[in-house]
Amino acid sequence: MSLGLYMDVHVPLSITRGHRRRGVDVVTAQDDQTTRFPDSDLLERATELGRLLFSQDEDLLAEAVLRQRNGKAFATVIFARQLDLSIGRCIADLEALAKAAGSGDAQGQIIFL
């Protein structure tokens, strides 16, 4: 089973396009018209949709850490610093995570690429 990805507004379009070419189910904040949502609302939206949230925004990462510490449910966040991975590596790693993930993996985790 695979899980869909939810791309936050900071994710480069080339990463989203790479996933779509590989058949990964992707929704972006732009597609969902949530580009102006604060991080807390964006995390709520990904949670509602049951998707893994990919972000390169450290503020969103901080929101996920806060929720994890407080025991509050949230969509699993996959985080990568913008300059730490090539676009190709980012696409490959995210694709592997999305395709290997089961429904239990969609909640409450923080994964660093």
C-alpha atoms as a PDB file:
ATOM      1  CA  MET A   1       0.000   0.000   0.000  1.00  0.00           C
ATOM      2  CA  SER A   2       1.209   3.512  -0.626  1.00  0.00           C
ATOM      3  CA  LEU A   3       0.266   6.832   0.879  1.00  0.00           C
ATOM      4  CA  GLY A   4      -0.195  10.116  -0.891  1.00  0.00           C
ATOM      5  CA  LEU A   5       2.126  13.035  -0.379  1.00  0.00           C
ATOM      6  CA  TYR A   6       1.110  16.568   0.502  1.00  0.00           C
ATOM      7  CA  MET A   7       3.695  19.151  -0.572  1.00  0.00           C
ATOM      8  CA  ASP A   8       3.940  22.344   1.371  1.00  0.00           C
ATOM      9  CA  VAL A   9       4.227  25.638  -0.478  1.00  0.00           C
ATOM     10  CA  HIS A  10       8.044  25.727  -0.121  1.00  0.00           C
ATOM     11  CA  VAL A  11       8.670  22.528  -2.103  1.00  0.00           C
ATOM     12  CA  PRO A  12      10.174  23.158  -5.553  1.00  0.00           C
ATOM     13  CA  LEU A  13       7.906  22.284  -8.469  1.00  0.00           C
ATOM     14  CA  SER A  14      10.609  20.022  -9.928  1.00  0.00           C
ATOM     15  CA  ILE A  15      10.217  17.666  -6.943  1.00  0.00           C
ATOM     16  CA  THR A  16       6.448  17.515  -7.384  1.00  0.00           C
ATOM     17  CA  ARG A  17       6.757  16.929 -11.127  1.00  0.00           C
ATOM     18  CA  GLY A  18       9.292  14.157 -10.556  1.00  0.00           C
ATOM     19  CA  HIS A  19       6.859  12.338  -8.302  1.00  0.00           C
ATOM     20  CA  ARG A  20       3.963  12.711 -10.669  1.00  0.00           C
ATOM     21  CA  ARG A  21       6.072  11.289 -13.510  1.00  0.00           C
ATOM     22  CA  ARG A  22       6.761   8.270 -11.276  1.00  0.00           C
ATOM     23  CA  GLY A  23       3.089   7.738 -10.489  1.00  0.00           C
ATOM     24  CA  VAL A  24       3.199   8.956  -6.883  1.00  0.00           C
ATOM     25  CA  ASP A  25      -0.069  10.469  -5.626  1.00  0.00           C
ATOM     26  CA  VAL A  26       0.796  14.104  -4.864  1.00  0.00           C
ATOM     27  CA  VAL A  27      -1.277  17.097  -3.791  1.00  0.00           C
ATOM     28  CA  THR A  28       0.409  20.457  -3.365  1.00  0.00           C
ATOM     29  CA  ALA A  29      -0.615  23.380  -1.199  1.00  0.00           C
ATOM     30  CA  GLN A  30      -1.083  25.232  -4.488  1.00  0.00           C
ATOM     31  CA  ASP A  31      -3.469  22.526  -5.793  1.00  0.00           C
ATOM     32  CA  ASP A  32      -5.378  22.602  -2.515  1.00  0.00           C
ATOM     33  CA  GLN A  33      -5.438  26.410  -2.316  1.00  0.00           C
ATOM     34  CA  THR A  34      -3.760  26.391   1.100  1.00  0.00           C
ATOM     35  CA  THR A  35      -0.681  28.442   0.196  1.00  0.00           C
ATOM     36  CA  ARG A  36      -1.559  31.139   2.711  1.00  0.00           C
ATOM     37  CA  PHE A  37      -2.379  28.764   5.549  1.00  0.00           C
ATOM     38  CA  PRO A  38      -0.280  29.060   8.692  1.00  0.00           C
ATOM     39  CA  ASP A  39       1.840  25.984   9.415  1.00  0.00           C
ATOM     40  CA  SER A  40      -0.578  24.700  12.059  1.00  0.00           C
ATOM     41  CA  ASP A  41      -3.502  24.767   9.592  1.00  0.00           C
ATOM     42  CA  LEU A  42      -1.432  23.192   6.818  1.00  0.00           C
ATOM     43  CA  LEU A  43      -0.519  20.348   9.155  1.00  0.00           C
ATOM     44  CA  GLU A  44      -4.198  19.952  10.061  1.00  0.00           C
ATOM     45  CA  ARG A  45      -5.132  19.802   6.383  1.00  0.00           C
ATOM     46  CA  ALA A  46      -2.596  17.060   5.632  1.00  0.00           C
ATOM     47  CA  THR A  47      -3.890  15.186   8.679  1.00  0.00           C
ATOM     48  CA  GLU A  48      -7.496  15.455   7.439  1.00  0.00           C
ATOM     49  CA  LEU A  49      -6.452  14.094   4.052  1.00  0.00           C
ATOM     50  CA  GLY A  50      -4.424  11.222   5.548  1.00  0.00           C
ATOM     51  CA  ARG A  51      -1.303  12.204   3.615  1.00  0.00           C
ATOM     52  CA  LEU A  52       2.371  12.368   4.433  1.00  0.00           C
ATOM     53  CA  LEU A  53       3.390  16.038   4.544  1.00  0.00           C
ATOM     54  CA  PHE A  54       6.693  16.923   2.902  1.00  0.00           C
ATOM     55  CA  SER A  55       8.252  20.211   3.905  1.00  0.00           C
ATOM     56  CA  GLN A  56      11.503  22.090   3.742  1.00  0.00           C
ATOM     57  CA  ASP A  57      10.223  24.715   6.184  1.00  0.00           C
ATOM     58  CA  GLU A  58      11.824  24.630   9.631  1.00  0.00           C
ATOM     59  CA  ASP A  59       8.856  26.444  11.189  1.00  0.00           C
ATOM     60  CA  LEU A  60       6.538  23.649  10.074  1.00  0.00           C
ATOM     61  CA  LEU A  61       8.998  21.140  11.500  1.00  0.00           C
ATOM     62  CA  ALA A  62       8.866  22.995  14.827  1.00  0.00           C
ATOM     63  CA  GLU A  63       5.053  22.771  14.801  1.00  0.00           C
ATOM     64  CA  ALA A  64       5.252  19.002  14.259  1.00  0.00           C
ATOM     65  CA  VAL A  65       7.774  18.612  17.099  1.00  0.00           C
ATOM     66  CA  LEU A  66       5.500  20.599  19.425  1.00  0.00           C
ATOM     67  CA  ARG A  67       2.522  18.384  18.555  1.00  0.00           C
ATOM     68  CA  GLN A  68       4.564  15.248  19.013  1.00  0.00           C
ATOM     69  CA  ARG A  69       5.732  16.380  22.467  1.00  0.00           C
ATOM     70  CA  ASN A  70       2.154  17.261  23.462  1.00  0.00           C
ATOM     71  CA  GLY A  71       0.705  13.986  22.193  1.00  0.00           C
ATOM     72  CA  LYS A  72      -1.510  15.731  19.640  1.00  0.00           C
ATOM     73  CA  ALA A  73      -2.315  13.834  16.443  1.00  0.00           C
ATOM     74  CA  PHE A  74      -0.766  15.136  13.233  1.00  0.00           C
ATOM     75  CA  ALA A  75       0.142  13.941   9.761  1.00  0.00           C
ATOM     76  CA  THR A  76       3.584  12.423   9.515  1.00  0.00           C
ATOM     77  CA  VAL A  77       6.024  15.113   8.434  1.00  0.00           C
ATOM     78  CA  ILE A  78       8.923  14.304   6.138  1.00  0.00           C
ATOM     79  CA  PHE A  79      11.519  17.044   6.338  1.00  0.00           C
ATOM     80  CA  ALA A  80      14.606  17.873   4.300  1.00  0.00           C
ATOM     81  CA  ARG A  81      16.729  20.986   4.450  1.00  0.00           C
ATOM     82  CA  GLN A  82      16.720  22.737   1.100  1.00  0.00           C
ATOM     83  CA  LEU A  83      20.424  22.401   0.401  1.00  0.00           C
ATOM     84  CA  ASP A  84      21.062  18.971   1.951  1.00  0.00           C
ATOM     85  CA  LEU A  85      19.739  16.786  -0.889  1.00  0.00           C
ATOM     86  CA  SER A  86      19.788  16.938  -4.652  1.00  0.00           C
ATOM     87  CA  ILE A  87      16.392  17.081  -6.325  1.00  0.00           C
ATOM     88  CA  GLY A  88      16.873  13.569  -7.730  1.00  0.00           C
ATOM     89  CA  ARG A  89      17.787  12.132  -4.340  1.00  0.00           C
ATOM     90  CA  CYS A  90      14.849  13.889  -2.708  1.00  0.00           C
ATOM     91  CA  ILE A  91      12.455  12.443  -5.306  1.00  0.00           C
ATOM     92  CA  ALA A  92      13.866   8.922  -4.919  1.00  0.00           C
ATOM     93  CA  ASP A  93      13.767   8.987  -1.107  1.00  0.00           C
ATOM     94  CA  LEU A  94      10.248  10.419  -0.929  1.00  0.00           C
ATOM     95  CA  GLU A  95       8.977   7.954  -3.517  1.00  0.00           C
ATOM     96  CA  ALA A  96      10.380   5.035  -1.524  1.00  0.00           C
ATOM     97  CA  LEU A  97       8.778   6.310   1.689  1.00  0.00           C
ATOM     98  CA  ALA A  98       5.384   6.945   0.073  1.00  0.00           C
ATOM     99  CA  LYS A  99       5.283   3.557  -1.640  1.00  0.00           C
ATOM    100  CA  ALA A 100       6.437   1.617   1.429  1.00  0.00           C
ATOM    101  CA  ALA A 101       4.184   3.406   3.926  1.00  0.00           C
ATOM    102  CA  GLY A 102       1.084   1.812   5.359  1.00  0.00           C
ATOM    103  CA  SER A 103      -1.906   3.545   6.900  1.00  0.00           C
ATOM    104  CA  GLY A 104      -0.331   3.425  10.363  1.00  0.00           C
ATOM    105  CA  ASP A 105       2.623   5.425   9.085  1.00  0.00           C
ATOM    106  CA  ALA A 106       0.513   8.477   8.213  1.00  0.00           C
ATOM    107  CA  GLN A 107       0.286   9.802  11.759  1.00  0.00           C
ATOM    108  CA  GLY A 108       2.574  11.240  14.391  1.00  0.00           C
ATOM    109  CA  GLN A 109       6.040  10.728  12.951  1.00  0.00           C
ATOM    110  CA  ILE A 110       8.805  13.079  11.911  1.00  0.00           C
ATOM    111  CA  ILE A 111      11.132  11.685   9.276  1.00  0.00           C
ATOM    112  CA  PHE A 112      14.330  13.422   8.187  1.00  0.00           C
ATOM    113  CA  LEU A 113      15.715  12.904   4.690  1.00  0.00           C
END
